[in-house]
Protein backbone atom coordinates (compact mmCIF):
# COMPACT_ATOMS: atom_id res chain seq x y z
CA MET A 1 0.00 0.00 0.00
CA PRO A 2 1.48 3.43 -0.94
CA HIS A 3 2.05 5.75 2.02
CA ALA A 4 1.13 2.95 4.45
CA PRO A 5 0.42 4.41 7.90
CA PRO A 6 2.33 3.08 10.94
CA LEU A 7 -0.57 1.00 12.16
CA GLY A 8 1.18 -0.75 15.03
CA ALA A 9 2.29 2.46 16.73
CA LEU A 10 -1.02 4.19 16.07
CA LEU A 11 -3.23 1.39 17.32
CA ARG A 12 -1.17 1.11 20.48
CA GLN A 13 -1.72 4.82 21.15
CA TYR A 14 -5.47 4.38 20.74
CA GLY A 15 -5.80 0.96 22.35
CA ALA A 16 -7.79 -0.02 19.25
CA GLY A 17 -6.68 -3.64 18.95
CA SER A 18 -4.76 -5.21 16.08
CA ALA A 19 -5.19 -4.34 12.43
CA LEU A 20 -7.09 -6.81 10.25
CA ALA A 21 -7.46 -4.68 7.10
CA CYS A 22 -6.55 -1.16 6.02
CA ASP A 23 -7.80 0.13 2.68
CA PRO A 24 -7.18 3.62 1.21
CA VAL A 25 -10.15 5.92 0.71
CA ASP A 26 -9.36 7.78 -2.50
CA GLN A 27 -11.88 10.63 -2.65
CA GLY A 28 -9.90 13.35 -0.86
CA LEU A 29 -7.60 15.82 -2.59
CA LEU A 30 -5.90 17.25 0.50
CA ASN A 31 -5.24 14.49 3.00
CA ARG A 32 -5.11 10.69 3.08
CA GLY A 33 -7.75 8.46 4.56
CA TYR A 34 -8.08 4.75 5.27
CA ARG A 35 -10.89 2.39 6.14
CA LEU A 36 -9.44 0.46 9.05
CA ARG A 37 -10.76 -2.79 10.47
CA THR A 38 -9.26 -4.05 13.72
CA THR A 39 -10.01 -6.68 16.31
CA ARG A 40 -12.03 -4.01 18.13
CA GLY A 41 -14.09 -2.47 15.33
CA HIS A 42 -14.22 -0.38 12.18
CA TYR A 43 -12.59 3.06 11.98
CA PHE A 44 -11.66 5.86 9.64
CA LEU A 45 -7.97 6.69 9.97
CA LYS A 46 -7.00 10.12 8.70
CA HIS A 47 -3.45 11.09 7.83
CA HIS A 48 -3.30 14.89 7.97
CA PHE A 49 -0.83 15.27 5.16
CA ASP A 50 -1.53 18.67 3.55
CA PRO A 51 1.04 21.13 4.98
CA GLU A 52 -1.48 24.00 5.10
CA THR A 53 -3.87 22.12 7.40
CA ALA A 54 -1.70 19.55 9.21
CA ALA A 55 -0.49 21.61 12.19
CA PRO A 56 -1.47 19.64 15.32
CA GLU A 57 -2.99 22.72 16.96
CA ALA A 58 -5.20 23.33 13.91
CA ILE A 59 -6.31 19.70 13.90
CA ALA A 60 -7.07 19.88 17.62
CA ARG A 61 -9.24 22.95 16.98
CA GLN A 62 -11.19 21.03 14.35
CA HIS A 63 -11.64 18.21 16.82
CA ARG A 64 -12.92 20.52 19.56
CA ALA A 65 -15.40 22.02 17.12
CA THR A 66 -16.81 18.68 16.01
CA ARG A 67 -17.15 17.43 19.59
CA ARG A 68 -19.09 20.56 20.53
CA LEU A 69 -21.24 20.31 17.42
CA ALA A 70 -22.02 16.68 18.23
CA ASP A 71 -23.22 17.79 21.67
CA LEU A 72 -25.70 20.08 19.88
CA GLY A 73 -26.97 17.23 17.71
CA VAL A 74 -25.21 18.23 14.49
CA PRO A 75 -24.38 15.09 12.45
CA VAL A 76 -20.59 14.84 12.64
CA ALA A 77 -18.01 12.13 13.39
CA PRO A 78 -15.85 13.46 16.23
CA PRO A 79 -12.40 11.89 16.65
CA LEU A 80 -11.69 9.23 19.21
CA PRO A 81 -9.30 10.05 22.06
CA GLY A 82 -6.10 8.12 22.47
CA GLN A 83 -5.09 6.52 25.73
CA ASP A 84 -3.45 9.81 26.72
CA GLY A 85 -6.71 11.67 26.09
CA ARG A 86 -5.42 13.43 23.00
CA THR A 87 -7.17 13.17 19.64
CA VAL A 88 -4.10 13.89 17.50
CA ALA A 89 -1.44 11.19 17.28
CA VAL A 90 1.96 12.25 15.93
CA VAL A 91 4.11 9.37 14.69
CA GLY A 92 7.30 9.88 12.71
CA GLY A 93 6.55 13.58 12.38
CA HIS A 94 3.13 12.92 10.79
CA ALA A 95 -0.24 13.72 12.36
CA TYR A 96 -3.07 11.18 12.43
CA ALA A 97 -6.58 11.01 13.86
CA LEU A 98 -8.90 8.06 14.38
CA HIS A 99 -12.64 8.45 13.82
CA PRO A 100 -15.54 6.01 14.04
CA TRP A 101 -16.39 4.54 10.66
CA ILE A 102 -19.68 5.98 9.37
CA ASP A 103 -21.59 3.77 6.96
CA GLY A 104 -23.15 6.03 4.38
CA ARG A 105 -23.26 7.20 0.80
CA HIS A 106 -22.50 10.46 -0.97
CA HIS A 107 -25.35 12.08 -2.90
CA HIS A 108 -24.96 14.76 -5.54
CA GLY A 109 -27.49 17.56 -5.17
CA THR A 110 -29.27 16.66 -8.40
CA GLN A 111 -30.10 13.28 -6.82
CA LEU A 112 -31.97 14.95 -3.95
CA SER A 113 -35.69 15.58 -3.76
CA THR A 114 -36.97 19.10 -3.09
CA ASP A 115 -37.48 18.19 0.56
CA GLN A 116 -33.93 16.87 0.79
CA CYS A 117 -32.59 20.05 -0.81
CA GLU A 118 -34.38 22.03 1.89
CA ARG A 119 -32.86 19.77 4.54
CA LEU A 120 -29.43 20.30 3.01
CA GLY A 121 -29.74 24.07 3.13
CA ALA A 122 -31.12 23.93 6.65
CA LEU A 123 -28.23 21.67 7.69
CA LEU A 124 -25.62 24.18 6.51
CA GLY A 125 -27.54 26.96 8.23
CA VAL A 126 -27.53 24.94 11.46
CA VAL A 127 -23.78 24.35 11.08
CA HIS A 128 -23.11 28.08 10.77
CA ALA A 129 -25.42 29.00 13.64
CA SER A 130 -24.02 26.24 15.86
CA LEU A 131 -20.40 27.13 15.14
CA GLU A 132 -21.19 30.66 16.24
CA ARG A 133 -22.36 29.23 19.55
CA VAL A 134 -19.50 26.86 20.24
CA MET A 135 -16.41 28.49 18.75
CA PRO A 136 -14.60 31.25 20.62
CA VAL A 137 -13.65 34.52 19.00
CA GLU A 138 -9.93 34.07 18.33
CA ALA A 139 -7.22 36.31 16.97
CA GLY A 140 -8.26 37.34 13.47
CA ALA A 141 -11.86 36.39 14.11
CA VAL A 142 -14.71 38.80 14.68
CA PRO A 143 -18.12 38.63 16.31
CA LYS A 144 -21.33 38.34 14.33
CA GLY A 145 -21.78 41.02 11.70
CA GLY A 146 -18.13 42.08 11.67
CA VAL A 147 -15.68 41.97 8.80
CA ARG A 148 -12.01 41.00 8.97
CA ALA A 149 -9.50 43.04 7.06
CA ASP A 150 -8.71 39.98 4.92
CA ALA A 151 -12.31 38.89 4.49
CA GLY A 152 -12.13 39.38 0.74
CA VAL A 153 -9.56 36.64 0.34
CA ARG A 154 -10.62 33.11 -0.56
CA ARG A 155 -8.27 30.17 -0.65
CA ASP A 156 -10.02 26.80 -0.83
CA GLU A 157 -7.37 24.69 -2.51
CA GLY A 158 -8.44 21.14 -3.13
CA ALA A 159 -12.19 21.52 -2.73
CA PRO A 160 -14.09 19.88 -5.56
CA GLY A 161 -15.26 22.79 -7.66
CA ALA A 162 -13.59 25.49 -5.61
CA GLY A 163 -9.99 26.58 -5.57
CA PRO A 164 -7.45 29.24 -4.73
CA ALA A 165 -9.05 32.48 -5.80
CA GLU A 166 -9.40 35.94 -4.33
CA THR A 167 -12.75 37.66 -4.31
CA GLY A 168 -11.03 41.00 -4.86
CA THR A 169 -8.78 39.72 -7.65
CA ASP A 170 -7.48 42.40 -9.99
CA PRO A 171 -8.38 41.43 -13.58
CA ALA A 172 -4.89 42.49 -14.66
CA VAL A 173 -3.47 39.72 -12.49
CA THR A 174 -5.89 37.23 -14.01
CA PHE A 175 -5.01 38.29 -17.56
CA ALA A 176 -1.34 37.62 -16.80
CA LEU A 177 -2.22 34.20 -15.39
CA ILE A 178 -4.27 33.38 -18.50
CA ASP A 179 -1.32 34.28 -20.73
CA ASP A 180 0.99 32.07 -18.66
CA LEU A 181 -1.42 29.13 -18.78
CA LEU A 182 -1.93 29.52 -22.52
CA ALA A 183 1.84 29.34 -22.97
CA ARG A 184 1.96 26.17 -20.88
CA VAL A 185 -0.83 24.65 -22.97
CA ARG A 186 1.07 25.42 -26.17
CA ARG A 187 4.23 23.80 -24.82
CA HIS A 188 2.51 20.63 -23.67
CA ARG A 189 3.42 17.63 -25.85
CA PRO A 190 1.85 15.56 -27.08
CA ALA A 191 -1.22 17.81 -27.23
CA ASP A 192 -4.42 16.11 -26.16
CA SER A 193 -8.14 16.80 -25.76
CA PHE A 194 -7.62 18.35 -22.33
CA ASP A 195 -5.22 20.88 -23.86
CA GLU A 196 -7.79 21.72 -26.52
CA LEU A 197 -10.53 22.33 -23.96
CA ALA A 198 -8.17 24.29 -21.69
CA ARG A 199 -7.16 26.61 -24.54
CA HIS A 200 -10.80 27.17 -25.51
CA ARG A 201 -11.85 27.97 -21.96
CA LEU A 202 -8.88 30.28 -21.32
CA LEU A 203 -9.60 32.35 -24.43
CA GLU A 204 -13.29 32.37 -23.59
CA ARG A 205 -12.61 33.47 -20.02
CA ARG A 206 -10.32 36.26 -21.16
CA ALA A 207 -13.10 37.62 -23.38
CA LEU A 208 -15.59 37.43 -20.49
CA LEU A 209 -13.23 39.27 -18.16
CA GLU A 210 -12.64 41.99 -20.73
CA GLN A 211 -16.39 42.41 -20.96
CA HIS A 212 -17.10 42.33 -17.20
CA ALA A 213 -13.92 43.81 -15.67
CA GLY A 214 -15.92 46.72 -14.26
CA ARG A 215 -18.06 44.40 -12.10
CA ARG A 216 -15.34 43.57 -9.59
CA PRO A 217 -17.07 43.33 -6.19
CA PRO A 218 -16.10 45.06 -2.95
CA HIS A 219 -14.69 43.09 -0.04
CA SER A 220 -16.85 40.43 1.54
CA GLY A 221 -19.61 41.00 4.03
CA PRO A 222 -20.27 39.37 7.43
CA VAL A 223 -17.98 36.52 8.36
CA GLY A 224 -18.16 33.74 10.91
CA TRP A 225 -16.98 30.20 11.54
CA VAL A 226 -17.64 27.93 8.56
CA HIS A 227 -16.91 24.35 7.58
CA GLY A 228 -14.84 25.69 4.69
CA ASP A 229 -15.24 22.73 2.31
CA PHE A 230 -18.93 21.81 2.23
CA HIS A 231 -19.55 19.62 -0.83
CA PRO A 232 -21.03 16.19 -1.71
CA PHE A 233 -17.90 14.16 -0.87
CA ASN A 234 -17.84 15.66 2.62
CA LEU A 235 -21.41 14.70 3.48
CA LEU A 236 -22.49 11.12 4.13
CA TYR A 237 -26.12 10.03 3.88
CA ARG A 238 -27.72 7.05 5.55
CA GLY A 239 -30.92 6.47 3.65
CA ASP A 240 -32.52 9.86 3.00
CA ALA A 241 -30.97 11.63 5.97
CA PRO A 242 -27.50 13.16 6.45
CA ALA A 243 -25.43 10.89 8.69
CA ALA A 244 -22.21 12.90 9.05
CA ILE A 245 -20.44 16.01 7.80
CA VAL A 246 -16.77 15.07 7.52
CA ASP A 247 -13.39 16.64 6.63
CA TRP A 248 -13.25 19.83 8.67
CA ASP A 249 -9.73 20.72 7.51
CA ARG A 250 -10.82 24.13 6.17
CA LEU A 251 -12.65 25.19 9.33
CA GLY A 252 -12.12 28.91 9.71
CA VAL A 253 -13.56 32.39 9.95
CA LYS A 254 -14.79 33.28 6.47
CA PRO A 255 -17.85 34.78 4.73
CA ARG A 256 -20.78 32.56 5.69
CA ALA A 257 -23.11 33.37 2.81
CA GLU A 258 -20.33 32.73 0.33
CA GLU A 259 -19.93 29.20 1.69
CA ALA A 260 -23.65 28.67 1.12
CA VAL A 261 -23.44 29.84 -2.50
CA ARG A 262 -20.18 28.05 -3.20
CA ALA A 263 -21.57 24.79 -1.83
CA ALA A 264 -24.69 25.10 -3.99
CA ALA A 265 -22.53 25.66 -7.07
CA ILE A 266 -20.91 22.28 -6.34
CA PHE A 267 -23.94 20.30 -5.19
CA PHE A 268 -26.29 21.44 -7.95
CA VAL A 269 -24.03 21.72 -11.00
CA ARG A 270 -25.08 19.50 -13.89
CA PRO A 271 -22.54 17.74 -16.15
CA ALA A 272 -23.11 20.30 -18.91
CA GLY A 273 -22.15 23.12 -16.54
CA THR A 274 -25.57 24.52 -15.62
CA LEU A 275 -27.11 24.80 -12.16
CA ASP A 276 -30.31 23.05 -11.15
CA LEU A 277 -31.97 26.29 -10.08
CA PRO A 278 -35.21 24.85 -8.62
CA ARG A 279 -33.18 22.68 -6.25
CA ALA A 280 -30.82 25.57 -5.47
CA ARG A 281 -33.84 27.76 -4.65
CA ALA A 282 -35.24 25.23 -2.16
CA TYR A 283 -31.80 24.88 -0.56
CA ALA A 284 -31.23 28.64 -0.34
CA ARG A 285 -34.61 29.38 1.24
CA ALA A 286 -33.96 26.84 3.99
CA TYR A 287 -30.42 28.13 4.50
CA ARG A 288 -31.58 31.74 4.90
CA ARG A 289 -34.21 30.69 7.40
CA THR A 290 -31.93 28.63 9.64
CA ALA A 291 -28.83 30.83 9.36
CA GLY A 292 -30.71 34.10 9.73
CA ALA A 293 -29.18 35.37 6.48
CA THR A 294 -30.93 38.12 4.52
CA PRO A 295 -31.67 38.03 0.79
CA SER A 296 -29.29 40.95 0.30
CA GLU A 297 -26.46 38.97 1.93
CA LEU A 298 -27.10 36.07 -0.45
CA ALA A 299 -27.29 38.38 -3.45
CA ALA A 300 -23.93 39.92 -2.57
CA ALA A 301 -22.46 36.46 -2.02
CA VAL A 302 -23.71 35.29 -5.42
CA HIS A 303 -21.88 38.20 -7.02
CA ARG A 304 -18.64 37.56 -5.13
CA VAL A 305 -18.62 33.83 -5.84
CA TRP A 306 -19.42 34.47 -9.51
CA TRP A 307 -16.45 36.86 -9.67
CA GLU A 308 -14.29 34.35 -7.87
CA ARG A 309 -15.17 31.68 -10.42
CA LEU A 310 -14.50 34.10 -13.27
CA ASN A 311 -10.94 34.59 -12.01
CA ASP A 312 -10.31 31.05 -10.79
CA PHE A 313 -8.01 28.59 -12.59
CA TRP A 314 -6.96 26.23 -9.82
CA MET A 315 -7.71 23.07 -11.80
CA LEU A 316 -5.56 24.23 -14.72
CA ARG A 317 -2.80 25.31 -12.36
CA TRP A 318 -2.79 21.89 -10.74
CA HIS A 319 -2.65 20.26 -14.19
CA TYR A 320 0.01 22.43 -15.84
CA GLU A 321 2.06 23.75 -12.92
CA ARG A 322 2.04 20.73 -10.60
CA GLY A 323 1.43 17.92 -13.04
CA ASP A 324 -1.44 16.87 -10.74
CA THR A 325 -4.37 15.57 -12.79
CA ARG A 326 -6.70 14.46 -9.98
CA ALA A 327 -9.04 17.42 -10.51
CA ASP A 328 -9.18 17.02 -14.31
CA PRO A 329 -12.58 15.23 -14.33
CA GLN A 330 -14.15 18.28 -12.64
CA PHE A 331 -12.84 20.75 -15.22
CA PRO A 332 -15.40 20.39 -18.05
CA ALA A 333 -18.45 21.13 -15.88
CA ALA A 334 -16.71 23.70 -13.66
CA SER A 335 -15.30 25.67 -16.59
CA ALA A 336 -18.63 25.64 -18.41
CA LEU A 337 -20.50 26.74 -15.29
CA VAL A 338 -18.96 30.21 -15.09
CA VAL A 339 -19.88 30.89 -18.74
CA TRP A 340 -23.48 29.82 -18.15
CA TRP A 341 -23.60 31.69 -14.82
CA THR A 342 -22.49 34.90 -16.54
CA ARG A 343 -25.20 34.53 -19.15
CA GLU A 344 -27.89 33.58 -16.61
CA TYR A 345 -26.69 35.88 -13.84
CA ASP A 346 -30.11 37.33 -12.96
CA ALA A 347 -31.76 33.90 -12.83
CA VAL A 348 -29.03 32.54 -10.57
CA CYS A 349 -29.29 35.50 -8.23
CA ASP A 350 -33.08 35.17 -8.11
CA ALA A 351 -32.78 31.49 -7.12
CA PHE A 352 -30.79 32.46 -4.02
CA VAL A 353 -32.92 35.40 -2.89
CA GLY A 354 -36.44 34.43 -4.07
C-alpha cells in the first residue's frame, strides 16, 4: 500500500486492537484516509498530510469544534481520544486522527428531492449558527456582523469545484495568469483533448473578463466560523438523511453566505455546466431561514462567488504547474458553469434570494 500508515504504533496509542485490514479511501484531494478494520471495530484513519492544514494545533481545533457540534446534535463524526486523552497522534513527524467509521453514501445535489434540498440548506444553516455558539472569537476572528480586514480573500485549494481564488482579484493579475497558462498549454506535448478544452476555456474566459472587468465586487460581508469545504464528498447520507459532515480541515472564519453559494454551485451543477436552479432555490430558502441570512447577503455572495469563479483557474494550475491531474474530471463542468452563470446571472441571483 502506498504511504502505508504506521498501524502498530497508532493502534497502540489508541488501544484499538490489532489491524485486520486497512484500505485507502481515495476521494480526498488534501489528505489521506483509510478504512481500518481491527479486532475491536471499524474506523476511519485520517493522515493529515496537507502542509497547510496539518499543524497539530489546527487539527485539535477542528476536533474541539466537532465534539461541541455533536453535543448540539449536528451530524458529525468526532475523533476518538487516544489513551493519553489526546485526539491527535503524531508518529514519525506525521499527524493522524482516528474516527468512528460511518456507513453512508455520498449524494450529488441533483439526486436529492426538493425536501432533501431544503434539509441540506437547513443543515448548513444549522452548522453556521451552531459554530457561532461553540467556537470562541480568536485572533483574526470577529463577532457576528463584523468583517475581517482579509475577508475578501478566498483560498479553498483542493475543494471539488472550488480553488485558490481571491474575491477582490485584480483582472490584470488574471489576464497575466491566463497568458501564462496559454503558454503552458502550447508547450505541452503531445497535445491532447484536455489541452484543446483548456485553450478554448482560457480564451473564452479572457473575453468574459474583458467584458465584465468593471463588475469587480467590494470586499466580503459578514464573516463567521464555517466548515470551509462543504460539498457532496464531505457529506455522508444514511438512507434519506444526512449521517455525518466530515473533513473539517478548512474550518475557519470566512464569509458565511459565500460558503452557502459556493456549496450550492458544487452540489447542484449538472454535467453540462448549468445549475439546477429549482433545487438551489429550495436549498437557499432553507439556509436563509436557519442561518438568519438576509436576501441581500445572499445576493452579494452570489456576485462575489461568480467573480471568484470568473478569475479562478486552480484546476488548470494543478494540471500544468504541478502535473497533478486528480481534478481534471471536474474541469469540463466547472469551466462551463462560469460561462453559463455569466449569461444567466439574474436567474441565478433570483434562485438564491427568491
